[in-house]
Amino acid sequence: MIKSKISVQFWIEYLGLRLLERILAPLSIRSRQTFAEFVGTFAYYFIPFRKKIVLNNLKRAFPESTCAWRHRIARLNYVHFTKVYFDLIPVFHFPDSLFFRYVRNEDQSVLDSALKQGKGALIVLYHLGNWEVFGDWFARKGYPIGAIAKKLNNPLTHGLIFRTRSMNGVYLFSKTKRQSLKMWKFAKEGNILFMVSDQDAGRNGIFVRFFDQWASTFRGPALFATKLKCPIILGTCLMDANGKYVIRLKELQVKDISQESGDPIQSLTQAITNYFQEEICRHPEQYYWFHRRWKTKPPKELLVNDD
């Protein structure tokens, strides 16, 4: 089998990432965050990656907000995710003593209680705060936890990020049929699976209300938990005022919500969305507004009903 050649662009991206890793590694947490604040602010003003999308999403989500407020939140958004990206590799290499001071879990008992049912658990997250270090906390504590990892286009970068994400014990499953079967077996054995499920799901998604607008949403979490009959835990990992991360968990009352309508998948997906919408309203600068969340247009019948 002939291996495909790796393009020059992929090599440049990979070497740039390794260079950034070398620059960030010796910095203290405070120095790294100060550097991230500078880079994030600079990027907002001079390298406006998806800036129009961010501002448009903020206007759609908060139609009564002022232009000044949206621009301030957008700038803070760039700064926040620069901090998250700069944490991506260094934090995974932290010794446990430092890691658990930097990332704390205020609701570990919520998951422990759910696991006593003996059916494992499904943790649902959004691109809010720092979802990357979320799974690492549980893996370091000895919890059997796995996640779906999307394959990156750049094989060099993918290899580095994959190794980093899994280095402390998180099981990663790719989106292939074979891996899906392994993931299903992993979950059925009573382990923990977490999914980040807030991107536009295209025509295959289920439409629910997100900031009072129809958004195509992945039905996977609700479908998965319904078939496995396992608890659904809603999770966040938000940065606090001191620049540290705080994990919070809440168990969704699956049985009660499923009985609210004739379509349990619809009800559960809407309930999940409602929870995270409230969290986003509390921390708008920490949500990943760079996604085109309302990209897929809803069916005409939904729009007619709105009228």
C-alpha atoms as a PDB file:
ATOM      1  CA  MET A   1       0.000   0.000   0.000  1.00  0.00           C
ATOM      2  CA  ILE A   2       1.445   3.359  -1.068  1.00  0.00           C
ATOM      3  CA  LYS A   3       1.263   6.046   1.591  1.00  0.00           C
ATOM      4  CA  SER A   4       0.006   9.410   0.387  1.00  0.00           C
ATOM      5  CA  LYS A   5       2.480  12.278   0.542  1.00  0.00           C
ATOM      6  CA  ILE A   6       2.075  14.836   3.287  1.00  0.00           C
ATOM      7  CA  SER A   7       1.728  18.329   1.850  1.00  0.00           C
ATOM      8  CA  VAL A   8       4.044  21.217   2.635  1.00  0.00           C
ATOM      9  CA  GLN A   9       1.131  23.049   4.246  1.00  0.00           C
ATOM     10  CA  PHE A  10       0.569  20.166   6.669  1.00  0.00           C
ATOM     11  CA  TRP A  11       4.242  20.191   7.620  1.00  0.00           C
ATOM     12  CA  ILE A  12       4.169  23.962   8.198  1.00  0.00           C
ATOM     13  CA  GLU A  13       1.072  23.641  10.402  1.00  0.00           C
ATOM     14  CA  TYR A  14       2.607  20.781  12.364  1.00  0.00           C
ATOM     15  CA  LEU A  15       5.991  22.453  12.865  1.00  0.00           C
ATOM     16  CA  GLY A  16       4.241  25.686  13.842  1.00  0.00           C
ATOM     17  CA  LEU A  17       2.302  23.783  16.504  1.00  0.00           C
ATOM     18  CA  ARG A  18       5.477  22.136  17.814  1.00  0.00           C
ATOM     19  CA  LEU A  19       7.190  25.542  17.925  1.00  0.00           C
ATOM     20  CA  LEU A  20       4.275  26.983  19.886  1.00  0.00           C
ATOM     21  CA  GLU A  21       4.501  23.995  22.228  1.00  0.00           C
ATOM     22  CA  ARG A  22       8.181  24.771  22.853  1.00  0.00           C
ATOM     23  CA  ILE A  23       7.407  28.436  23.520  1.00  0.00           C
ATOM     24  CA  LEU A  24       4.552  27.715  25.936  1.00  0.00           C
ATOM     25  CA  ALA A  25       6.080  24.788  27.844  1.00  0.00           C
ATOM     26  CA  PRO A  26       8.467  26.776  30.100  1.00  0.00           C
ATOM     27  CA  LEU A  27       5.946  29.533  30.866  1.00  0.00           C
ATOM     28  CA  SER A  28       4.099  29.694  34.153  1.00  0.00           C
ATOM     29  CA  ILE A  29       0.306  29.516  34.070  1.00  0.00           C
ATOM     30  CA  ARG A  30       0.011  33.260  34.687  1.00  0.00           C
ATOM     31  CA  SER A  31       2.609  34.106  32.018  1.00  0.00           C
ATOM     32  CA  ARG A  32       0.903  31.830  29.508  1.00  0.00           C
ATOM     33  CA  GLN A  33      -2.468  33.446  30.160  1.00  0.00           C
ATOM     34  CA  THR A  34      -1.012  36.954  29.874  1.00  0.00           C
ATOM     35  CA  PHE A  35       0.546  35.968  26.556  1.00  0.00           C
ATOM     36  CA  ALA A  36      -2.814  34.525  25.459  1.00  0.00           C
ATOM     37  CA  GLU A  37      -4.597  37.766  26.364  1.00  0.00           C
ATOM     38  CA  PHE A  38      -2.200  39.693  24.128  1.00  0.00           C
ATOM     39  CA  VAL A  39      -2.425  37.210  21.235  1.00  0.00           C
ATOM     40  CA  GLY A  40      -6.224  36.920  21.499  1.00  0.00           C
ATOM     41  CA  THR A  41      -6.715  40.688  21.517  1.00  0.00           C
ATOM     42  CA  PHE A  42      -4.291  41.094  18.613  1.00  0.00           C
ATOM     43  CA  ALA A  43      -6.126  38.399  16.640  1.00  0.00           C
ATOM     44  CA  TYR A  44      -9.489  40.053  17.279  1.00  0.00           C
ATOM     45  CA  TYR A  45      -8.357  43.360  15.799  1.00  0.00           C
ATOM     46  CA  PHE A  46      -5.868  42.277  13.138  1.00  0.00           C
ATOM     47  CA  ILE A  47      -6.540  38.597  12.262  1.00  0.00           C
ATOM     48  CA  PRO A  48     -10.346  38.516  12.454  1.00  0.00           C
ATOM     49  CA  PHE A  49     -10.876  34.785  11.890  1.00  0.00           C
ATOM     50  CA  ARG A  50     -14.658  34.306  11.541  1.00  0.00           C
ATOM     51  CA  LYS A  51     -15.255  37.625  13.273  1.00  0.00           C
ATOM     52  CA  LYS A  52     -18.369  38.318  11.197  1.00  0.00           C
ATOM     53  CA  ILE A  53     -19.791  34.911  12.137  1.00  0.00           C
ATOM     54  CA  VAL A  54     -19.119  35.549  15.837  1.00  0.00           C
ATOM     55  CA  LEU A  55     -20.789  38.961  15.787  1.00  0.00           C
ATOM     56  CA  ASN A  56     -23.721  37.701  13.726  1.00  0.00           C
ATOM     57  CA  ASN A  57     -24.259  34.745  16.097  1.00  0.00           C
ATOM     58  CA  LEU A  58     -24.199  37.074  19.098  1.00  0.00           C
ATOM     59  CA  LYS A  59     -26.772  39.321  17.456  1.00  0.00           C
ATOM     60  CA  ARG A  60     -29.029  36.339  16.720  1.00  0.00           C
ATOM     61  CA  ALA A  61     -28.704  34.964  20.244  1.00  0.00           C
ATOM     62  CA  PHE A  62     -29.029  38.347  21.960  1.00  0.00           C
ATOM     63  CA  PRO A  63     -31.137  40.519  19.618  1.00  0.00           C
ATOM     64  CA  GLU A  64     -31.688  43.201  22.261  1.00  0.00           C
ATOM     65  CA  SER A  65     -27.963  43.641  22.960  1.00  0.00           C
ATOM     66  CA  THR A  66     -26.050  46.747  21.922  1.00  0.00           C
ATOM     67  CA  CYS A  67     -23.365  46.777  19.248  1.00  0.00           C
ATOM     68  CA  ALA A  68     -20.786  47.774  21.875  1.00  0.00           C
ATOM     69  CA  TRP A  69     -21.737  44.797  24.080  1.00  0.00           C
ATOM     70  CA  ARG A  70     -21.434  42.344  21.168  1.00  0.00           C
ATOM     71  CA  HIS A  71     -18.005  43.657  20.209  1.00  0.00           C
ATOM     72  CA  ARG A  72     -16.818  43.440  23.820  1.00  0.00           C
ATOM     73  CA  ILE A  73     -18.050  39.851  24.178  1.00  0.00           C
ATOM     74  CA  ALA A  74     -16.505  38.951  20.811  1.00  0.00           C
ATOM     75  CA  ARG A  75     -13.123  40.321  21.901  1.00  0.00           C
ATOM     76  CA  LEU A  76     -13.308  38.425  25.195  1.00  0.00           C
ATOM     77  CA  ASN A  77     -14.310  35.346  23.172  1.00  0.00           C
ATOM     78  CA  TYR A  78     -11.095  35.536  21.145  1.00  0.00           C
ATOM     79  CA  VAL A  79      -9.075  35.953  24.336  1.00  0.00           C
ATOM     80  CA  HIS A  80     -10.809  33.062  26.090  1.00  0.00           C
ATOM     81  CA  PHE A  81     -10.248  30.561  23.299  1.00  0.00           C
ATOM     82  CA  THR A  82      -6.663  31.635  22.838  1.00  0.00           C
ATOM     83  CA  LYS A  83      -6.203  30.695  26.506  1.00  0.00           C
ATOM     84  CA  VAL A  84      -7.949  27.364  25.866  1.00  0.00           C
ATOM     85  CA  TYR A  85      -5.763  26.578  22.842  1.00  0.00           C
ATOM     86  CA  PHE A  86      -2.611  27.578  24.701  1.00  0.00           C
ATOM     87  CA  ASP A  87      -3.664  25.183  27.485  1.00  0.00           C
ATOM     88  CA  LEU A  88      -4.263  22.297  25.085  1.00  0.00           C
ATOM     89  CA  ILE A  89      -0.843  20.648  25.283  1.00  0.00           C
ATOM     90  CA  PRO A  90       0.781  22.059  28.478  1.00  0.00           C
ATOM     91  CA  VAL A  91      -2.086  21.151  30.833  1.00  0.00           C
ATOM     92  CA  PHE A  92      -2.144  17.512  29.723  1.00  0.00           C
ATOM     93  CA  HIS A  93       1.512  17.291  30.766  1.00  0.00           C
ATOM     94  CA  PHE A  94       0.890  18.758  34.228  1.00  0.00           C
ATOM     95  CA  PRO A  95       1.663  16.448  37.149  1.00  0.00           C
ATOM     96  CA  ASP A  96      -1.475  15.516  39.075  1.00  0.00           C
ATOM     97  CA  SER A  97      -0.558  17.810  41.970  1.00  0.00           C
ATOM     98  CA  LEU A  98      -0.621  20.857  39.673  1.00  0.00           C
ATOM     99  CA  PHE A  99      -3.455  19.675  37.435  1.00  0.00           C
ATOM    100  CA  PHE A 100      -5.947  19.236  40.275  1.00  0.00           C
ATOM    101  CA  ARG A 101      -5.157  22.728  41.565  1.00  0.00           C
ATOM    102  CA  TYR A 102      -5.790  24.139  38.091  1.00  0.00           C
ATOM    103  CA  VAL A 103      -8.904  22.059  37.302  1.00  0.00           C
ATOM    104  CA  ARG A 104     -11.329  21.250  40.108  1.00  0.00           C
ATOM    105  CA  ASN A 105     -14.607  19.338  40.110  1.00  0.00           C
ATOM    106  CA  GLU A 106     -17.381  20.623  42.354  1.00  0.00           C
ATOM    107  CA  ASP A 107     -19.888  17.902  41.460  1.00  0.00           C
ATOM    108  CA  GLN A 108     -17.998  14.611  41.450  1.00  0.00           C
ATOM    109  CA  SER A 109     -20.731  13.126  43.646  1.00  0.00           C
ATOM    110  CA  VAL A 110     -23.297  13.652  40.857  1.00  0.00           C
ATOM    111  CA  LEU A 111     -21.460  11.212  38.589  1.00  0.00           C
ATOM    112  CA  ASP A 112     -20.690   8.794  41.420  1.00  0.00           C
ATOM    113  CA  SER A 113     -24.380   8.636  42.296  1.00  0.00           C
ATOM    114  CA  ALA A 114     -25.371   8.016  38.662  1.00  0.00           C
ATOM    115  CA  LEU A 115     -22.800   5.243  38.284  1.00  0.00           C
ATOM    116  CA  LYS A 116     -24.320   3.347  41.216  1.00  0.00           C
ATOM    117  CA  GLN A 117     -27.152   2.391  38.854  1.00  0.00           C
ATOM    118  CA  GLY A 118     -24.644   0.080  37.150  1.00  0.00           C
ATOM    119  CA  LYS A 119     -25.401   1.292  33.625  1.00  0.00           C
ATOM    120  CA  GLY A 120     -22.479   3.634  33.083  1.00  0.00           C
ATOM    121  CA  ALA A 121     -23.222   7.220  32.097  1.00  0.00           C
ATOM    122  CA  LEU A 122     -23.353   9.533  29.123  1.00  0.00           C
ATOM    123  CA  ILE A 123     -21.938  13.009  29.733  1.00  0.00           C
ATOM    124  CA  VAL A 124     -23.029  15.704  27.296  1.00  0.00           C
ATOM    125  CA  LEU A 125     -20.994  18.862  26.817  1.00  0.00           C
ATOM    126  CA  TYR A 126     -21.105  21.922  24.579  1.00  0.00           C
ATOM    127  CA  HIS A 127     -18.190  23.887  23.158  1.00  0.00           C
ATOM    128  CA  LEU A 128     -18.312  26.001  26.288  1.00  0.00           C
ATOM    129  CA  GLY A 129     -15.379  26.822  28.549  1.00  0.00           C
ATOM    130  CA  ASN A 130     -12.716  24.137  28.070  1.00  0.00           C
ATOM    131  CA  TRP A 131     -14.086  20.758  27.018  1.00  0.00           C
ATOM    132  CA  GLU A 132     -10.583  19.418  26.308  1.00  0.00           C
ATOM    133  CA  VAL A 133      -9.448  19.122  29.936  1.00  0.00           C
ATOM    134  CA  PHE A 134     -12.861  17.862  31.089  1.00  0.00           C
ATOM    135  CA  GLY A 135     -12.264  14.210  30.259  1.00  0.00           C
ATOM    136  CA  ASP A 136      -8.672  14.392  31.475  1.00  0.00           C
ATOM    137  CA  TRP A 137      -9.851  15.162  35.013  1.00  0.00           C
ATOM    138  CA  PHE A 138     -11.889  11.951  35.180  1.00  0.00           C
ATOM    139  CA  ALA A 139      -9.203   9.833  33.526  1.00  0.00           C
ATOM    140  CA  ARG A 140      -6.615  11.021  36.053  1.00  0.00           C
ATOM    141  CA  LYS A 141      -9.027  10.077  38.856  1.00  0.00           C
ATOM    142  CA  GLY A 142      -9.283   6.553  37.481  1.00  0.00           C
ATOM    143  CA  TYR A 143     -12.724   6.719  35.871  1.00  0.00           C
ATOM    144  CA  PRO A 144     -13.089   4.604  32.695  1.00  0.00           C
ATOM    145  CA  ILE A 145     -14.025   7.374  30.259  1.00  0.00           C
ATOM    146  CA  GLY A 146     -14.108   7.619  26.487  1.00  0.00           C
ATOM    147  CA  ALA A 147     -15.021  10.141  23.813  1.00  0.00           C
ATOM    148  CA  ILE A 148     -15.590  10.458  20.090  1.00  0.00           C
ATOM    149  CA  ALA A 149     -12.677  12.223  18.409  1.00  0.00           C
ATOM    150  CA  LYS A 150     -13.094  13.738  14.974  1.00  0.00           C
ATOM    151  CA  LYS A 151     -10.178  13.027  12.663  1.00  0.00           C
ATOM    152  CA  LEU A 152      -8.271  16.168  11.670  1.00  0.00           C
ATOM    153  CA  ASN A 153      -7.397  16.772   8.022  1.00  0.00           C
ATOM    154  CA  ASN A 154      -3.715  17.133   8.847  1.00  0.00           C
ATOM    155  CA  PRO A 155      -2.423  13.644   9.786  1.00  0.00           C
ATOM    156  CA  LEU A 156       0.641  15.065  11.551  1.00  0.00           C
ATOM    157  CA  THR A 157      -1.382  17.411  13.734  1.00  0.00           C
ATOM    158  CA  HIS A 158      -4.006  14.711  14.282  1.00  0.00           C
ATOM    159  CA  GLY A 159      -1.379  12.317  15.607  1.00  0.00           C
ATOM    160  CA  LEU A 160       0.005  14.882  18.040  1.00  0.00           C
ATOM    161  CA  ILE A 161      -3.409  15.977  19.332  1.00  0.00           C
ATOM    162  CA  PHE A 162      -4.684  12.380  19.534  1.00  0.00           C
ATOM    163  CA  ARG A 163      -1.671  11.306  21.623  1.00  0.00           C
ATOM    164  CA  THR A 164      -2.038  14.347  23.864  1.00  0.00           C
ATOM    165  CA  ARG A 165      -5.754  13.851  24.483  1.00  0.00           C
ATOM    166  CA  SER A 166      -5.345  10.174  25.346  1.00  0.00           C
ATOM    167  CA  MET A 167      -2.044  10.282  27.249  1.00  0.00           C
ATOM    168  CA  ASN A 168      -3.688  10.194  30.691  1.00  0.00           C
ATOM    169  CA  GLY A 169      -6.179   7.426  29.993  1.00  0.00           C
ATOM    170  CA  VAL A 170      -9.083   8.840  27.970  1.00  0.00           C
ATOM    171  CA  TYR A 171     -10.261   6.290  25.384  1.00  0.00           C
ATOM    172  CA  LEU A 172     -10.795   7.910  21.988  1.00  0.00           C
ATOM    173  CA  PHE A 173     -13.093   6.531  19.298  1.00  0.00           C
ATOM    174  CA  SER A 174     -13.089   7.753  15.713  1.00  0.00           C
ATOM    175  CA  LYS A 175     -16.223   8.128  13.586  1.00  0.00           C
ATOM    176  CA  THR A 176     -15.975   4.819  11.721  1.00  0.00           C
ATOM    177  CA  LYS A 177     -18.331   1.848  11.732  1.00  0.00           C
ATOM    178  CA  ARG A 178     -15.759  -0.390  13.397  1.00  0.00           C
ATOM    179  CA  GLN A 179     -14.966   2.194  16.070  1.00  0.00           C
ATOM    180  CA  SER A 180     -18.670   2.835  16.624  1.00  0.00           C
ATOM    181  CA  LEU A 181     -19.132  -0.830  17.519  1.00  0.00           C
ATOM    182  CA  LYS A 182     -16.210  -0.620  19.950  1.00  0.00           C
ATOM    183  CA  MET A 183     -17.683   2.525  21.477  1.00  0.00           C
ATOM    184  CA  TRP A 184     -21.065   0.834  21.880  1.00  0.00           C
ATOM    185  CA  LYS A 185     -19.430  -2.141  23.619  1.00  0.00           C
ATOM    186  CA  PHE A 186     -17.411   0.233  25.820  1.00  0.00           C
ATOM    187  CA  ALA A 187     -20.579   2.026  26.917  1.00  0.00           C
ATOM    188  CA  LYS A 188     -22.572  -1.191  27.481  1.00  0.00           C
ATOM    189  CA  GLU A 189     -19.876  -2.413  29.856  1.00  0.00           C
ATOM    190  CA  GLY A 190     -20.880   0.347  32.259  1.00  0.00           C
ATOM    191  CA  ASN A 191     -18.191   2.871  31.376  1.00  0.00           C
ATOM    192  CA  ILE A 192     -18.500   6.636  30.879  1.00  0.00           C
ATOM    193  CA  LEU A 193     -18.817   8.218  27.467  1.00  0.00           C
ATOM    194  CA  PHE A 194     -18.829  11.937  26.830  1.00  0.00           C
ATOM    195  CA  MET A 195     -19.992  13.771  23.724  1.00  0.00           C
ATOM    196  CA  VAL A 196     -19.676  17.387  22.587  1.00  0.00           C
ATOM    197  CA  SER A 197     -22.866  17.830  20.623  1.00  0.00           C
ATOM    198  CA  ASP A 198     -23.636  21.441  19.763  1.00  0.00           C
ATOM    199  CA  GLN A 199     -22.456  21.825  16.166  1.00  0.00           C
ATOM    200  CA  ASP A 200     -24.891  22.146  13.263  1.00  0.00           C
ATOM    201  CA  ALA A 201     -26.055  18.605  12.424  1.00  0.00           C
ATOM    202  CA  GLY A 202     -27.149  19.298   8.858  1.00  0.00           C
ATOM    203  CA  ARG A 203     -30.163  17.600   7.302  1.00  0.00           C
ATOM    204  CA  ASN A 204     -29.719  14.508   9.469  1.00  0.00           C
ATOM    205  CA  GLY A 205     -30.205  16.465  12.675  1.00  0.00           C
ATOM    206  CA  ILE A 206     -33.284  17.065  14.763  1.00  0.00           C
ATOM    207  CA  PHE A 207     -34.553  20.647  14.991  1.00  0.00           C
ATOM    208  CA  VAL A 208     -34.906  22.152  18.456  1.00  0.00           C
ATOM    209  CA  ARG A 209     -35.132  25.711  19.730  1.00  0.00           C
ATOM    210  CA  PHE A 210     -31.788  27.324  20.538  1.00  0.00           C
ATOM    211  CA  PHE A 211     -32.045  30.982  21.553  1.00  0.00           C
ATOM    212  CA  ASP A 212     -35.611  30.947  20.232  1.00  0.00           C
ATOM    213  CA  GLN A 213     -34.540  29.821  16.740  1.00  0.00           C
ATOM    214  CA  TRP A 214     -34.680  26.404  15.109  1.00  0.00           C
ATOM    215  CA  ALA A 215     -31.254  24.741  15.100  1.00  0.00           C
ATOM    216  CA  SER A 216     -30.320  21.385  13.579  1.00  0.00           C
ATOM    217  CA  THR A 217     -28.976  19.343  16.477  1.00  0.00           C
ATOM    218  CA  PHE A 218     -27.361  15.924  16.829  1.00  0.00           C
ATOM    219  CA  ARG A 219     -29.828  13.393  18.174  1.00  0.00           C
ATOM    220  CA  GLY A 220     -26.973  11.052  19.150  1.00  0.00           C
ATOM    221  CA  PRO A 221     -26.849  11.764  22.916  1.00  0.00           C
ATOM    222  CA  ALA A 222     -30.600  11.298  23.429  1.00  0.00           C
ATOM    223  CA  LEU A 223     -30.732   8.267  21.138  1.00  0.00           C
ATOM    224  CA  PHE A 224     -27.666   6.684  22.719  1.00  0.00           C
ATOM    225  CA  ALA A 225     -28.862   7.134  26.303  1.00  0.00           C
ATOM    226  CA  THR A 226     -32.372   5.930  25.454  1.00  0.00           C
ATOM    227  CA  LYS A 227     -31.095   2.704  23.902  1.00  0.00           C
ATOM    228  CA  LEU A 228     -28.616   2.031  26.698  1.00  0.00           C
ATOM    229  CA  LYS A 229     -31.028   3.196  29.413  1.00  0.00           C
ATOM    230  CA  CYS A 230     -28.112   4.986  31.061  1.00  0.00           C
ATOM    231  CA  PRO A 231     -28.109   8.306  32.965  1.00  0.00           C
ATOM    232  CA  ILE A 232     -27.444  11.544  31.074  1.00  0.00           C
ATOM    233  CA  ILE A 233     -25.117  13.957  32.837  1.00  0.00           C
ATOM    234  CA  LEU A 234     -24.805  17.554  31.618  1.00  0.00           C
ATOM    235  CA  GLY A 235     -21.297  18.891  32.097  1.00  0.00           C
ATOM    236  CA  THR A 236     -19.415  22.171  31.912  1.00  0.00           C
ATOM    237  CA  CYS A 237     -15.793  23.117  32.513  1.00  0.00           C
ATOM    238  CA  LEU A 238     -15.746  26.905  32.849  1.00  0.00           C
ATOM    239  CA  MET A 239     -12.907  29.298  33.582  1.00  0.00           C
ATOM    240  CA  ASP A 240     -13.387  31.205  36.827  1.00  0.00           C
ATOM    241  CA  ALA A 241     -12.294  34.729  37.753  1.00  0.00           C
ATOM    242  CA  ASN A 242      -8.891  33.406  38.856  1.00  0.00           C
ATOM    243  CA  GLY A 243      -8.160  31.829  35.476  1.00  0.00           C
ATOM    244  CA  LYS A 244      -8.718  28.273  36.727  1.00  0.00           C
ATOM    245  CA  TYR A 245     -11.245  25.705  35.501  1.00  0.00           C
ATOM    246  CA  VAL A 246     -14.283  24.483  37.421  1.00  0.00           C
ATOM    247  CA  ILE A 247     -16.194  21.345  36.396  1.00  0.00           C
ATOM    248  CA  ARG A 248     -19.896  21.209  37.192  1.00  0.00           C
ATOM    249  CA  LEU A 249     -22.311  18.344  36.573  1.00  0.00           C
ATOM    250  CA  LYS A 250     -26.063  17.913  36.611  1.00  0.00           C
ATOM    251  CA  GLU A 251     -28.040  14.720  36.024  1.00  0.00           C
ATOM    252  CA  LEU A 252     -30.904  15.049  33.571  1.00  0.00           C
ATOM    253  CA  GLN A 253     -34.175  13.484  34.708  1.00  0.00           C
ATOM    254  CA  VAL A 254     -34.479  11.294  31.617  1.00  0.00           C
ATOM    255  CA  LYS A 255     -37.619   9.384  32.610  1.00  0.00           C
ATOM    256  CA  ASP A 256     -39.659  12.488  33.462  1.00  0.00           C
ATOM    257  CA  ILE A 257     -38.590  14.407  30.355  1.00  0.00           C
ATOM    258  CA  SER A 258     -39.145  11.428  28.026  1.00  0.00           C
ATOM    259  CA  GLN A 259     -42.781  11.261  29.118  1.00  0.00           C
ATOM    260  CA  GLU A 260     -43.470  14.933  28.358  1.00  0.00           C
ATOM    261  CA  SER A 261     -44.324  14.257  24.701  1.00  0.00           C
ATOM    262  CA  GLY A 262     -44.744  11.448  22.210  1.00  0.00           C
ATOM    263  CA  ASP A 263     -41.167  11.888  20.983  1.00  0.00           C
ATOM    264  CA  PRO A 264     -38.655  11.254  23.795  1.00  0.00           C
ATOM    265  CA  ILE A 265     -35.668  12.015  21.538  1.00  0.00           C
ATOM    266  CA  GLN A 266     -37.101  15.449  20.722  1.00  0.00           C
ATOM    267  CA  SER A 267     -37.889  16.163  24.383  1.00  0.00           C
ATOM    268  CA  LEU A 268     -34.481  15.075  25.653  1.00  0.00           C
ATOM    269  CA  THR A 269     -32.595  16.981  22.956  1.00  0.00           C
ATOM    270  CA  GLN A 270     -34.582  20.131  23.719  1.00  0.00           C
ATOM    271  CA  ALA A 271     -33.980  19.723  27.465  1.00  0.00           C
ATOM    272  CA  ILE A 272     -30.238  19.367  26.898  1.00  0.00           C
ATOM    273  CA  THR A 273     -30.243  22.443  24.671  1.00  0.00           C
ATOM    274  CA  ASN A 274     -32.223  24.480  27.209  1.00  0.00           C
ATOM    275  CA  TYR A 275     -29.734  23.702  29.964  1.00  0.00           C
ATOM    276  CA  PHE A 276     -26.725  24.795  27.963  1.00  0.00           C
ATOM    277  CA  GLN A 277     -28.480  27.887  26.668  1.00  0.00           C
ATOM    278  CA  GLU A 278     -28.855  29.044  30.275  1.00  0.00           C
ATOM    279  CA  GLU A 279     -25.163  28.375  30.911  1.00  0.00           C
ATOM    280  CA  ILE A 280     -24.194  30.285  27.764  1.00  0.00           C
ATOM    281  CA  CYS A 281     -26.277  33.264  28.894  1.00  0.00           C
ATOM    282  CA  ARG A 282     -24.273  33.308  32.133  1.00  0.00           C
ATOM    283  CA  HIS A 283     -20.926  33.020  30.324  1.00  0.00           C
ATOM    284  CA  PRO A 284     -21.393  34.264  26.729  1.00  0.00           C
ATOM    285  CA  GLU A 285     -17.694  35.020  26.312  1.00  0.00           C
ATOM    286  CA  GLN A 286     -16.831  31.333  26.876  1.00  0.00           C
ATOM    287  CA  TYR A 287     -19.063  29.831  24.182  1.00  0.00           C
ATOM    288  CA  TYR A 288     -17.627  28.893  20.792  1.00  0.00           C
ATOM    289  CA  TRP A 289     -19.514  31.395  18.628  1.00  0.00           C
ATOM    290  CA  PHE A 290     -17.198  30.614  15.700  1.00  0.00           C
ATOM    291  CA  HIS A 291     -19.521  27.781  14.605  1.00  0.00           C
ATOM    292  CA  ARG A 292     -22.320  28.505  12.152  1.00  0.00           C
ATOM    293  CA  ARG A 293     -24.846  27.080  14.594  1.00  0.00           C
ATOM    294  CA  TRP A 294     -27.927  27.991  12.541  1.00  0.00           C
ATOM    295  CA  LYS A 295     -26.411  26.995   9.196  1.00  0.00           C
ATOM    296  CA  THR A 296     -29.091  24.451   8.217  1.00  0.00           C
ATOM    297  CA  LYS A 297     -32.471  25.963   7.461  1.00  0.00           C
ATOM    298  CA  PRO A 298     -35.442  24.297   9.176  1.00  0.00           C
ATOM    299  CA  PRO A 299     -38.253  22.634   7.192  1.00  0.00           C
ATOM    300  CA  LYS A 300     -40.944  24.978   5.925  1.00  0.00           C
ATOM    301  CA  GLU A 301     -43.580  23.444   8.192  1.00  0.00           C
ATOM    302  CA  LEU A 302     -41.636  24.567  11.276  1.00  0.00           C
ATOM    303  CA  LEU A 303     -41.384  28.102   9.942  1.00  0.00           C
ATOM    304  CA  VAL A 304     -45.097  28.129   9.127  1.00  0.00           C
ATOM    305  CA  ASN A 305     -45.922  27.068  12.684  1.00  0.00           C
ATOM    306  CA  ASP A 306     -43.742  29.911  13.995  1.00  0.00           C
ATOM    307  CA  ASP A 307     -45.884  32.382  12.092  1.00  0.00           C
END
